[in-house]
Amino acid sequence: MARRTGELQNLFADVAYEKDVFEFEYGTNMHLRHIPNLDAEDRGKKKCVYAVANYKDGGFSFVVLPIGEVNRIRDTYVKKDKFGKITGPWVTEYDEMAKKTAVKRLMKLVPLSVELLRKFAQDETVKTEILPNMEDALDDMYPTNEDMGVHGSADGSADANGSANGSAGNVIEGVATRVEESEGDKAE
């Protein structure tokens, strides 16, 4: 979905292990380097998960989540069976779910429309009714535009203050992004 906005050139996520070469830096000299140690029979314990978005204008954003943070997020939001055990894809496909978590965290930084953000959020919702267009089925887990304080046109071209969305450099909760701002940039 995010690639369809026309803003992204590439979007990917991966898991880094203890025996891999992995380094990153936030700030004014931000970079991320991951060289998987595919020759090792045992790459060691999972170290972190990361997601990267490369923009068509040459900018990029990335997030790095330590495994402890991924597990905290999992434990907060995953449904458990009647015995309190985690079941489902977090047990059978941990790496894929961890990468999905990093991508969802990254999406908070990528210049996207409100409509696209709503679609990402609906990935975690449970609907109580079936409609021809399931996006119209409301639930209590996702706020409306009014709840979020978003004003403006239905295409999501306004932010919470009613001004036009653009891409700009941000540092949010220790997560860095570098995007070149150019005239005419706005969320589609």
N, C-alpha and C. Protein backbone atom coordinates (compact mmCIF):
# COMPACT_ATOMS: atom_id res chain seq x y z
N MET A 1 0.82 -1.20 0.00
CA MET A 1 0.00 0.00 0.00
C MET A 1 0.86 1.26 0.00
N ALA A 2 1.89 1.27 0.85
CA ALA A 2 2.71 2.48 0.97
C ALA A 2 3.43 2.79 -0.34
N ARG A 3 3.81 1.76 -1.07
CA ARG A 3 4.53 1.99 -2.32
C ARG A 3 3.63 2.65 -3.37
N ARG A 4 2.31 2.44 -3.27
CA ARG A 4 1.39 3.00 -4.23
C ARG A 4 1.24 4.51 -4.10
N THR A 5 1.78 5.11 -3.04
CA THR A 5 1.66 6.56 -2.87
C THR A 5 2.50 7.30 -3.89
N GLY A 6 3.48 6.64 -4.48
CA GLY A 6 4.37 7.29 -5.42
C GLY A 6 5.55 7.96 -4.74
N GLU A 7 5.57 8.00 -3.43
CA GLU A 7 6.64 8.64 -2.68
C GLU A 7 7.82 7.70 -2.44
N LEU A 8 7.54 6.39 -2.34
CA LEU A 8 8.57 5.42 -1.96
C LEU A 8 9.20 4.75 -3.16
N GLN A 9 10.51 4.63 -3.11
CA GLN A 9 11.24 3.86 -4.11
C GLN A 9 11.39 2.42 -3.63
N ASN A 10 11.59 2.26 -2.30
CA ASN A 10 11.86 0.94 -1.74
C ASN A 10 11.45 0.92 -0.28
N LEU A 11 10.97 -0.21 0.18
CA LEU A 11 10.60 -0.41 1.58
C LEU A 11 10.96 -1.84 1.94
N PHE A 12 11.76 -2.01 3.02
CA PHE A 12 12.13 -3.36 3.42
C PHE A 12 12.40 -3.41 4.91
N ALA A 13 12.39 -4.63 5.43
CA ALA A 13 12.66 -4.87 6.85
C ALA A 13 13.46 -6.15 6.98
N ASP A 14 14.22 -6.25 8.08
CA ASP A 14 15.00 -7.46 8.31
C ASP A 14 15.30 -7.59 9.80
N VAL A 15 15.79 -8.75 10.16
CA VAL A 15 16.21 -9.05 11.53
C VAL A 15 17.72 -9.16 11.53
N ALA A 16 18.39 -8.50 12.48
CA ALA A 16 19.84 -8.60 12.64
C ALA A 16 20.14 -9.51 13.83
N TYR A 17 21.15 -10.34 13.67
CA TYR A 17 21.56 -11.28 14.71
C TYR A 17 22.91 -10.88 15.29
N GLU A 18 23.25 -11.46 16.44
CA GLU A 18 24.48 -11.10 17.15
C GLU A 18 25.75 -11.24 16.30
N LYS A 19 25.82 -12.26 15.45
CA LYS A 19 27.03 -12.49 14.66
C LYS A 19 27.01 -11.78 13.30
N ASP A 20 25.96 -11.04 13.03
CA ASP A 20 25.92 -10.21 11.82
C ASP A 20 26.70 -8.93 12.09
N VAL A 21 27.13 -8.26 11.04
CA VAL A 21 27.66 -6.91 11.16
C VAL A 21 26.44 -5.99 11.11
N PHE A 22 26.23 -5.24 12.19
CA PHE A 22 25.08 -4.33 12.23
C PHE A 22 25.48 -3.08 12.98
N GLU A 23 25.32 -1.95 12.32
CA GLU A 23 25.59 -0.67 12.96
C GLU A 23 24.62 0.36 12.41
N PHE A 24 24.26 1.29 13.27
CA PHE A 24 23.40 2.37 12.82
C PHE A 24 23.66 3.58 13.70
N GLU A 25 23.28 4.72 13.18
CA GLU A 25 23.44 5.96 13.92
C GLU A 25 22.29 6.89 13.54
N TYR A 26 21.68 7.48 14.54
CA TYR A 26 20.68 8.52 14.31
C TYR A 26 21.39 9.87 14.42
N GLY A 27 20.71 10.91 14.03
CA GLY A 27 21.27 12.25 14.15
C GLY A 27 21.62 12.82 12.80
N THR A 28 22.60 13.71 12.78
CA THR A 28 22.93 14.41 11.54
C THR A 28 23.77 13.56 10.58
N ASN A 29 24.33 12.46 11.07
CA ASN A 29 25.12 11.57 10.23
C ASN A 29 24.48 10.19 10.22
N MET A 30 23.17 10.17 10.06
CA MET A 30 22.47 8.90 10.20
C MET A 30 22.79 7.93 9.08
N HIS A 31 22.92 6.68 9.49
CA HIS A 31 23.17 5.60 8.53
C HIS A 31 22.78 4.28 9.17
N LEU A 32 22.60 3.28 8.34
CA LEU A 32 22.31 1.93 8.81
C LEU A 32 23.07 0.98 7.90
N ARG A 33 23.77 0.04 8.51
CA ARG A 33 24.56 -0.94 7.76
C ARG A 33 24.31 -2.31 8.37
N HIS A 34 23.88 -3.27 7.55
CA HIS A 34 23.64 -4.63 8.00
C HIS A 34 24.23 -5.59 6.99
N ILE A 35 25.19 -6.39 7.44
CA ILE A 35 25.77 -7.44 6.62
C ILE A 35 25.48 -8.76 7.33
N PRO A 36 24.50 -9.52 6.84
CA PRO A 36 24.17 -10.80 7.48
C PRO A 36 25.33 -11.78 7.38
N ASN A 37 25.58 -12.51 8.44
CA ASN A 37 26.63 -13.53 8.46
C ASN A 37 26.00 -14.85 8.01
N LEU A 38 25.83 -15.00 6.72
CA LEU A 38 25.15 -16.17 6.18
C LEU A 38 26.02 -17.42 6.17
N ASP A 39 27.33 -17.26 6.40
CA ASP A 39 28.23 -18.41 6.44
C ASP A 39 28.20 -19.13 7.78
N ALA A 40 27.74 -18.44 8.83
CA ALA A 40 27.70 -19.06 10.16
C ALA A 40 26.53 -20.02 10.25
N GLU A 41 26.79 -21.20 10.85
CA GLU A 41 25.69 -22.13 11.07
C GLU A 41 24.71 -21.56 12.08
N ASP A 42 25.24 -20.85 13.05
CA ASP A 42 24.42 -20.21 14.06
C ASP A 42 24.77 -18.72 14.07
N ARG A 43 23.83 -17.88 13.68
CA ARG A 43 24.06 -16.44 13.61
C ARG A 43 23.93 -15.78 14.99
N GLY A 44 23.65 -16.57 16.01
CA GLY A 44 23.50 -16.03 17.36
C GLY A 44 22.06 -15.63 17.63
N LYS A 45 21.86 -14.98 18.74
CA LYS A 45 20.52 -14.54 19.14
C LYS A 45 20.08 -13.36 18.29
N LYS A 46 18.77 -13.21 18.19
CA LYS A 46 18.23 -12.03 17.51
C LYS A 46 18.65 -10.79 18.29
N LYS A 47 19.16 -9.79 17.60
CA LYS A 47 19.65 -8.57 18.22
C LYS A 47 18.61 -7.45 18.12
N CYS A 48 18.10 -7.25 16.90
CA CYS A 48 17.12 -6.19 16.67
C CYS A 48 16.42 -6.46 15.34
N VAL A 49 15.39 -5.69 15.11
CA VAL A 49 14.68 -5.71 13.84
C VAL A 49 14.65 -4.27 13.33
N TYR A 50 14.70 -4.10 12.02
CA TYR A 50 14.70 -2.75 11.48
C TYR A 50 13.88 -2.69 10.21
N ALA A 51 13.45 -1.49 9.87
CA ALA A 51 12.73 -1.24 8.63
C ALA A 51 13.29 0.03 8.01
N VAL A 52 13.37 0.05 6.67
CA VAL A 52 13.94 1.18 5.95
C VAL A 52 12.99 1.56 4.81
N ALA A 53 12.78 2.85 4.63
CA ALA A 53 12.04 3.38 3.49
C ALA A 53 12.97 4.31 2.73
N ASN A 54 13.16 4.05 1.46
CA ASN A 54 13.92 4.94 0.58
C ASN A 54 12.92 5.70 -0.28
N TYR A 55 13.05 7.03 -0.29
CA TYR A 55 12.13 7.86 -1.04
C TYR A 55 12.66 8.16 -2.43
N LYS A 56 11.76 8.46 -3.33
CA LYS A 56 12.15 8.76 -4.71
C LYS A 56 12.99 10.02 -4.81
N ASP A 57 12.87 10.92 -3.82
CA ASP A 57 13.66 12.15 -3.86
C ASP A 57 15.06 11.97 -3.29
N GLY A 58 15.43 10.74 -2.91
CA GLY A 58 16.76 10.47 -2.38
C GLY A 58 16.83 10.40 -0.87
N GLY A 59 15.79 10.83 -0.19
CA GLY A 59 15.76 10.75 1.27
C GLY A 59 15.48 9.33 1.74
N PHE A 60 15.58 9.12 3.01
CA PHE A 60 15.29 7.81 3.58
C PHE A 60 14.88 7.97 5.04
N SER A 61 14.20 6.97 5.54
CA SER A 61 13.84 6.87 6.95
C SER A 61 14.12 5.45 7.39
N PHE A 62 14.46 5.29 8.66
CA PHE A 62 14.57 3.94 9.19
C PHE A 62 14.27 3.93 10.67
N VAL A 63 13.88 2.77 11.15
CA VAL A 63 13.69 2.54 12.58
C VAL A 63 14.42 1.26 12.94
N VAL A 64 14.95 1.23 14.14
CA VAL A 64 15.60 0.05 14.69
C VAL A 64 14.93 -0.24 16.02
N LEU A 65 14.41 -1.45 16.18
CA LEU A 65 13.76 -1.85 17.42
C LEU A 65 14.54 -3.00 18.04
N PRO A 66 15.05 -2.82 19.26
CA PRO A 66 15.68 -3.95 19.94
C PRO A 66 14.64 -5.06 20.16
N ILE A 67 15.09 -6.28 20.22
CA ILE A 67 14.16 -7.42 20.38
C ILE A 67 13.31 -7.26 21.65
N GLY A 68 13.89 -6.70 22.71
CA GLY A 68 13.10 -6.48 23.93
C GLY A 68 11.92 -5.56 23.69
N GLU A 69 12.10 -4.54 22.87
CA GLU A 69 11.01 -3.62 22.52
C GLU A 69 9.96 -4.32 21.66
N VAL A 70 10.41 -5.14 20.71
CA VAL A 70 9.48 -5.92 19.88
C VAL A 70 8.63 -6.82 20.77
N ASN A 71 9.28 -7.50 21.72
CA ASN A 71 8.55 -8.40 22.62
C ASN A 71 7.57 -7.64 23.51
N ARG A 72 7.95 -6.43 23.94
CA ARG A 72 7.04 -5.61 24.75
C ARG A 72 5.80 -5.24 23.94
N ILE A 73 6.01 -4.85 22.69
CA ILE A 73 4.88 -4.51 21.81
C ILE A 73 4.02 -5.75 21.59
N ARG A 74 4.65 -6.87 21.29
CA ARG A 74 3.92 -8.13 21.10
C ARG A 74 3.08 -8.46 22.33
N ASP A 75 3.70 -8.42 23.51
CA ASP A 75 3.00 -8.79 24.73
C ASP A 75 1.85 -7.84 25.07
N THR A 76 1.96 -6.59 24.63
CA THR A 76 0.90 -5.61 24.89
C THR A 76 -0.31 -5.84 24.00
N TYR A 77 -0.10 -6.23 22.75
CA TYR A 77 -1.19 -6.27 21.79
C TYR A 77 -1.63 -7.64 21.31
N VAL A 78 -0.86 -8.66 21.55
CA VAL A 78 -1.21 -9.99 21.04
C VAL A 78 -2.33 -10.61 21.89
N LYS A 79 -3.15 -11.38 21.21
CA LYS A 79 -4.20 -12.12 21.93
C LYS A 79 -3.60 -13.44 22.40
N LYS A 80 -4.00 -13.84 23.59
CA LYS A 80 -3.48 -15.08 24.18
C LYS A 80 -4.63 -16.08 24.32
N ASP A 81 -4.28 -17.35 24.39
CA ASP A 81 -5.30 -18.37 24.58
C ASP A 81 -5.79 -18.37 26.03
N LYS A 82 -6.70 -19.25 26.35
CA LYS A 82 -7.31 -19.26 27.68
C LYS A 82 -6.31 -19.60 28.79
N PHE A 83 -5.15 -20.13 28.43
CA PHE A 83 -4.11 -20.44 29.40
C PHE A 83 -3.07 -19.32 29.52
N GLY A 84 -3.27 -18.24 28.77
CA GLY A 84 -2.35 -17.11 28.81
C GLY A 84 -1.13 -17.27 27.92
N LYS A 85 -1.15 -18.27 27.04
CA LYS A 85 -0.02 -18.50 26.14
C LYS A 85 -0.24 -17.78 24.82
N ILE A 86 0.84 -17.26 24.28
CA ILE A 86 0.80 -16.64 22.96
C ILE A 86 0.68 -17.74 21.93
N THR A 87 -0.23 -17.55 20.99
CA THR A 87 -0.41 -18.53 19.91
C THR A 87 -0.41 -17.80 18.58
N GLY A 88 -0.44 -18.54 17.51
CA GLY A 88 -0.55 -17.94 16.19
C GLY A 88 0.78 -17.55 15.59
N PRO A 89 0.77 -16.51 14.73
CA PRO A 89 1.97 -16.18 13.97
C PRO A 89 3.15 -15.69 14.81
N TRP A 90 2.91 -15.15 16.00
CA TRP A 90 4.03 -14.74 16.84
C TRP A 90 4.83 -15.95 17.32
N VAL A 91 4.22 -17.12 17.30
CA VAL A 91 4.92 -18.35 17.67
C VAL A 91 5.52 -19.01 16.44
N THR A 92 4.75 -19.08 15.36
CA THR A 92 5.19 -19.81 14.17
C THR A 92 6.01 -18.97 13.20
N GLU A 93 5.81 -17.67 13.18
CA GLU A 93 6.50 -16.78 12.23
C GLU A 93 7.01 -15.53 12.94
N TYR A 94 7.80 -15.71 14.00
CA TYR A 94 8.24 -14.58 14.83
C TYR A 94 8.96 -13.51 14.01
N ASP A 95 9.92 -13.90 13.17
CA ASP A 95 10.69 -12.91 12.40
C ASP A 95 9.79 -12.05 11.52
N GLU A 96 8.83 -12.68 10.86
CA GLU A 96 7.93 -11.93 9.98
C GLU A 96 7.06 -10.96 10.78
N MET A 97 6.59 -11.38 11.92
CA MET A 97 5.77 -10.49 12.76
C MET A 97 6.62 -9.36 13.33
N ALA A 98 7.87 -9.65 13.68
CA ALA A 98 8.77 -8.60 14.18
C ALA A 98 9.05 -7.57 13.09
N LYS A 99 9.27 -8.04 11.85
CA LYS A 99 9.50 -7.11 10.74
C LYS A 99 8.25 -6.27 10.48
N LYS A 100 7.09 -6.89 10.57
CA LYS A 100 5.84 -6.15 10.40
C LYS A 100 5.71 -5.06 11.46
N THR A 101 6.12 -5.36 12.68
CA THR A 101 6.08 -4.37 13.76
C THR A 101 6.99 -3.19 13.44
N ALA A 102 8.18 -3.47 12.93
CA ALA A 102 9.11 -2.39 12.57
C ALA A 102 8.55 -1.55 11.43
N VAL A 103 7.95 -2.20 10.43
CA VAL A 103 7.37 -1.46 9.31
C VAL A 103 6.23 -0.57 9.80
N LYS A 104 5.40 -1.09 10.69
CA LYS A 104 4.30 -0.27 11.20
C LYS A 104 4.83 0.93 11.98
N ARG A 105 5.90 0.76 12.73
CA ARG A 105 6.51 1.88 13.44
C ARG A 105 7.09 2.88 12.44
N LEU A 106 7.71 2.39 11.37
CA LEU A 106 8.28 3.25 10.34
C LEU A 106 7.19 4.06 9.63
N MET A 107 6.02 3.47 9.45
CA MET A 107 4.95 4.16 8.74
C MET A 107 4.51 5.45 9.44
N LYS A 108 4.83 5.58 10.72
CA LYS A 108 4.53 6.82 11.44
C LYS A 108 5.38 7.97 10.92
N LEU A 109 6.48 7.66 10.25
CA LEU A 109 7.41 8.68 9.77
C LEU A 109 7.30 8.96 8.28
N VAL A 110 6.73 8.03 7.55
CA VAL A 110 6.65 8.15 6.10
C VAL A 110 5.51 9.10 5.74
N PRO A 111 5.73 10.02 4.79
CA PRO A 111 4.66 10.94 4.41
C PRO A 111 3.54 10.19 3.70
N LEU A 112 2.46 9.92 4.42
CA LEU A 112 1.32 9.18 3.88
C LEU A 112 0.04 9.96 4.12
N SER A 113 -0.97 9.64 3.37
CA SER A 113 -2.26 10.27 3.57
C SER A 113 -2.95 9.68 4.79
N VAL A 114 -3.91 10.39 5.32
CA VAL A 114 -4.70 9.90 6.44
C VAL A 114 -5.42 8.63 6.04
N GLU A 115 -5.90 8.57 4.79
CA GLU A 115 -6.60 7.38 4.30
C GLU A 115 -5.70 6.15 4.35
N LEU A 116 -4.45 6.28 3.92
CA LEU A 116 -3.53 5.16 3.93
C LEU A 116 -3.16 4.76 5.36
N LEU A 117 -2.99 5.75 6.24
CA LEU A 117 -2.72 5.44 7.64
C LEU A 117 -3.87 4.65 8.25
N ARG A 118 -5.09 5.01 7.90
CA ARG A 118 -6.28 4.29 8.40
C ARG A 118 -6.23 2.83 7.93
N LYS A 119 -5.83 2.59 6.68
CA LYS A 119 -5.76 1.21 6.18
C LYS A 119 -4.72 0.40 6.94
N PHE A 120 -3.58 1.02 7.25
CA PHE A 120 -2.57 0.32 8.05
C PHE A 120 -3.13 -0.01 9.43
N ALA A 121 -3.81 0.93 10.04
CA ALA A 121 -4.34 0.70 11.38
C ALA A 121 -5.41 -0.38 11.38
N GLN A 122 -6.18 -0.50 10.31
CA GLN A 122 -7.24 -1.50 10.25
C GLN A 122 -6.69 -2.91 10.22
N ASP A 123 -5.42 -3.06 9.95
CA ASP A 123 -4.79 -4.37 9.96
C ASP A 123 -4.89 -5.01 11.34
N GLU A 124 -5.01 -4.20 12.38
CA GLU A 124 -5.05 -4.70 13.75
C GLU A 124 -6.44 -4.68 14.37
N THR A 125 -7.48 -4.39 13.60
CA THR A 125 -8.80 -4.25 14.18
C THR A 125 -9.63 -5.50 14.00
N VAL A 126 -10.70 -5.55 14.78
CA VAL A 126 -11.67 -6.63 14.68
C VAL A 126 -13.01 -5.99 14.35
N LYS A 127 -13.61 -6.39 13.24
CA LYS A 127 -14.89 -5.83 12.82
C LYS A 127 -16.02 -6.65 13.41
N THR A 128 -17.10 -5.95 13.72
CA THR A 128 -18.26 -6.62 14.31
C THR A 128 -19.41 -6.71 13.32
N GLU A 129 -19.23 -6.20 12.11
CA GLU A 129 -20.26 -6.29 11.08
C GLU A 129 -19.58 -6.46 9.72
N ILE A 130 -20.33 -7.00 8.77
CA ILE A 130 -19.80 -7.20 7.43
C ILE A 130 -20.54 -6.27 6.48
N LEU A 131 -19.77 -5.45 5.78
CA LEU A 131 -20.32 -4.50 4.82
C LEU A 131 -19.64 -4.72 3.47
N PRO A 132 -20.27 -4.26 2.37
CA PRO A 132 -19.61 -4.40 1.06
C PRO A 132 -18.23 -3.75 1.02
N ASN A 133 -18.07 -2.60 1.66
CA ASN A 133 -16.78 -1.93 1.78
C ASN A 133 -16.40 -1.97 3.25
N MET A 134 -15.51 -2.88 3.60
CA MET A 134 -15.19 -3.08 5.02
C MET A 134 -14.52 -1.87 5.66
N GLU A 135 -14.00 -0.94 4.86
CA GLU A 135 -13.45 0.28 5.43
C GLU A 135 -14.53 1.12 6.08
N ASP A 136 -15.80 0.91 5.67
CA ASP A 136 -16.92 1.65 6.24
C ASP A 136 -17.36 1.07 7.58
N ALA A 137 -16.94 -0.16 7.88
CA ALA A 137 -17.32 -0.80 9.15
C ALA A 137 -16.48 -0.21 10.27
N LEU A 138 -17.11 0.51 11.16
CA LEU A 138 -16.39 1.16 12.25
C LEU A 138 -16.16 0.20 13.40
N ASP A 139 -15.16 0.48 14.18
CA ASP A 139 -14.91 -0.26 15.40
C ASP A 139 -14.39 0.72 16.44
N ASP A 140 -14.32 0.29 17.68
CA ASP A 140 -13.89 1.17 18.75
C ASP A 140 -12.37 1.27 18.86
N MET A 141 -11.66 0.49 18.06
CA MET A 141 -10.21 0.45 18.19
C MET A 141 -9.51 1.51 17.36
N TYR A 142 -10.23 2.18 16.44
CA TYR A 142 -9.58 3.15 15.58
C TYR A 142 -10.37 4.45 15.59
N PRO A 143 -9.72 5.57 15.90
CA PRO A 143 -10.43 6.84 15.98
C PRO A 143 -10.82 7.38 14.61
N THR A 144 -11.83 8.21 14.60
CA THR A 144 -12.24 8.90 13.37
C THR A 144 -11.33 10.09 13.15
N ASN A 145 -11.43 10.74 12.00
CA ASN A 145 -10.65 11.94 11.73
C ASN A 145 -10.92 13.00 12.78
N GLU A 146 -12.18 13.14 13.16
CA GLU A 146 -12.53 14.14 14.17
C GLU A 146 -11.87 13.82 15.51
N ASP A 147 -11.84 12.52 15.88
CA ASP A 147 -11.18 12.12 17.13
C ASP A 147 -9.70 12.48 17.11
N MET A 148 -9.08 12.39 15.92
CA MET A 148 -7.66 12.66 15.79
C MET A 148 -7.39 14.15 15.60
N GLY A 149 -8.45 14.96 15.46
CA GLY A 149 -8.27 16.39 15.27
C GLY A 149 -7.82 16.75 13.87
N VAL A 150 -8.10 15.86 12.89
CA VAL A 150 -7.71 16.12 11.51
C VAL A 150 -8.82 16.91 10.83
N HIS A 151 -8.44 17.99 10.20
CA HIS A 151 -9.39 18.83 9.47
C HIS A 151 -8.89 18.97 8.05
N GLY A 152 -9.77 19.11 7.13
CA GLY A 152 -9.35 19.32 5.75
C GLY A 152 -10.09 18.41 4.82
N SER A 153 -9.57 18.24 3.63
CA SER A 153 -10.26 17.49 2.59
C SER A 153 -10.18 16.00 2.86
N ALA A 154 -11.05 15.26 2.19
CA ALA A 154 -11.13 13.81 2.38
C ALA A 154 -9.89 13.10 1.87
N ASP A 155 -9.08 13.76 1.03
CA ASP A 155 -7.88 13.09 0.52
C ASP A 155 -6.73 13.12 1.51
N GLY A 156 -6.95 13.67 2.72
CA GLY A 156 -5.93 13.66 3.75
C GLY A 156 -4.87 14.71 3.54
N SER A 157 -5.17 15.76 2.77
CA SER A 157 -4.14 16.74 2.46
C SER A 157 -4.00 17.81 3.53
N ALA A 158 -4.50 17.58 4.71
CA ALA A 158 -4.33 18.53 5.81
C ALA A 158 -3.88 17.79 7.04
N ASP A 159 -3.08 18.45 7.86
CA ASP A 159 -2.62 17.82 9.10
C ASP A 159 -3.56 18.19 10.24
N ALA A 160 -3.16 17.87 11.47
CA ALA A 160 -4.02 18.09 12.63
C ALA A 160 -4.32 19.57 12.85
N ASN A 161 -3.51 20.46 12.29
CA ASN A 161 -3.76 21.89 12.43
C ASN A 161 -4.46 22.47 11.22
N GLY A 162 -4.79 21.62 10.25
CA GLY A 162 -5.48 22.10 9.07
C GLY A 162 -4.55 22.61 7.99
N SER A 163 -3.22 22.49 8.17
CA SER A 163 -2.29 22.97 7.16
C SER A 163 -1.89 21.83 6.24
N ALA A 164 -1.37 22.17 5.08
CA ALA A 164 -1.02 21.16 4.09
C ALA A 164 0.11 20.28 4.59
N ASN A 165 -0.02 18.98 4.32
CA ASN A 165 1.04 18.03 4.70
C ASN A 165 2.20 18.15 3.75
N GLY A 166 3.38 18.04 4.26
CA GLY A 166 4.58 17.98 3.44
C GLY A 166 5.55 17.04 4.09
N SER A 167 6.66 16.74 3.45
CA SER A 167 7.65 15.88 4.08
C SER A 167 8.76 16.78 4.60
N ALA A 168 9.19 16.52 5.80
CA ALA A 168 10.24 17.31 6.43
C ALA A 168 11.04 16.40 7.34
N GLY A 169 12.23 16.83 7.72
CA GLY A 169 13.05 16.04 8.63
C GLY A 169 12.44 16.03 10.02
N ASN A 170 12.44 14.89 10.66
CA ASN A 170 11.87 14.75 11.99
C ASN A 170 12.74 13.84 12.83
N VAL A 171 12.68 14.01 14.13
CA VAL A 171 13.16 13.01 15.06
C VAL A 171 12.03 12.80 16.03
N ILE A 172 11.45 11.61 16.04
CA ILE A 172 10.29 11.32 16.86
C ILE A 172 10.62 10.14 17.75
N GLU A 173 10.56 10.33 19.07
CA GLU A 173 10.79 9.27 20.04
C GLU A 173 12.03 8.43 19.69
N GLY A 174 13.12 9.10 19.36
CA GLY A 174 14.36 8.38 19.10
C GLY A 174 14.41 7.73 17.73
N VAL A 175 13.42 7.98 16.88
CA VAL A 175 13.40 7.41 15.55
C VAL A 175 13.65 8.53 14.57
N ALA A 176 14.62 8.37 13.73
CA ALA A 176 15.04 9.47 12.86
C ALA A 176 14.51 9.30 11.45
N THR A 177 14.35 10.41 10.79
CA THR A 177 14.00 10.40 9.38
C THR A 177 14.68 11.57 8.70
N ARG A 178 15.10 11.36 7.47
CA ARG A 178 15.69 12.44 6.70
C ARG A 178 14.99 12.44 5.35
N VAL A 179 14.23 13.46 5.12
CA VAL A 179 13.51 13.59 3.88
C VAL A 179 13.71 15.00 3.38
N GLU A 180 14.11 15.14 2.17
CA GLU A 180 14.31 16.45 1.60
C GLU A 180 12.95 17.07 1.33
N GLU A 181 12.75 18.29 1.82
CA GLU A 181 11.50 18.98 1.59
C GLU A 181 11.62 19.77 0.29
N SER A 182 10.67 19.59 -0.57
CA SER A 182 10.67 20.33 -1.82
C SER A 182 9.31 20.95 -2.02
N GLU A 183 9.26 21.99 -2.83
CA GLU A 183 7.99 22.64 -3.08
C GLU A 183 7.06 21.67 -3.77
N GLY A 184 5.81 21.72 -3.37
CA GLY A 184 4.81 20.86 -3.99
C GLY A 184 4.70 19.52 -3.31
N ASP A 185 5.59 19.18 -2.37
CA ASP A 185 5.46 17.92 -1.64
C ASP A 185 4.20 17.97 -0.82
N LYS A 186 3.40 16.97 -0.93
CA LYS A 186 2.27 16.81 -0.02
C LYS A 186 1.81 15.38 -0.10
N ALA A 187 1.20 14.92 0.96
CA ALA A 187 0.72 13.54 0.99
C ALA A 187 -0.37 13.37 -0.05
N GLU A 188 -0.31 12.29 -0.78
CA GLU A 188 -1.32 12.03 -1.80
C GLU A 188 -2.55 11.45 -1.18
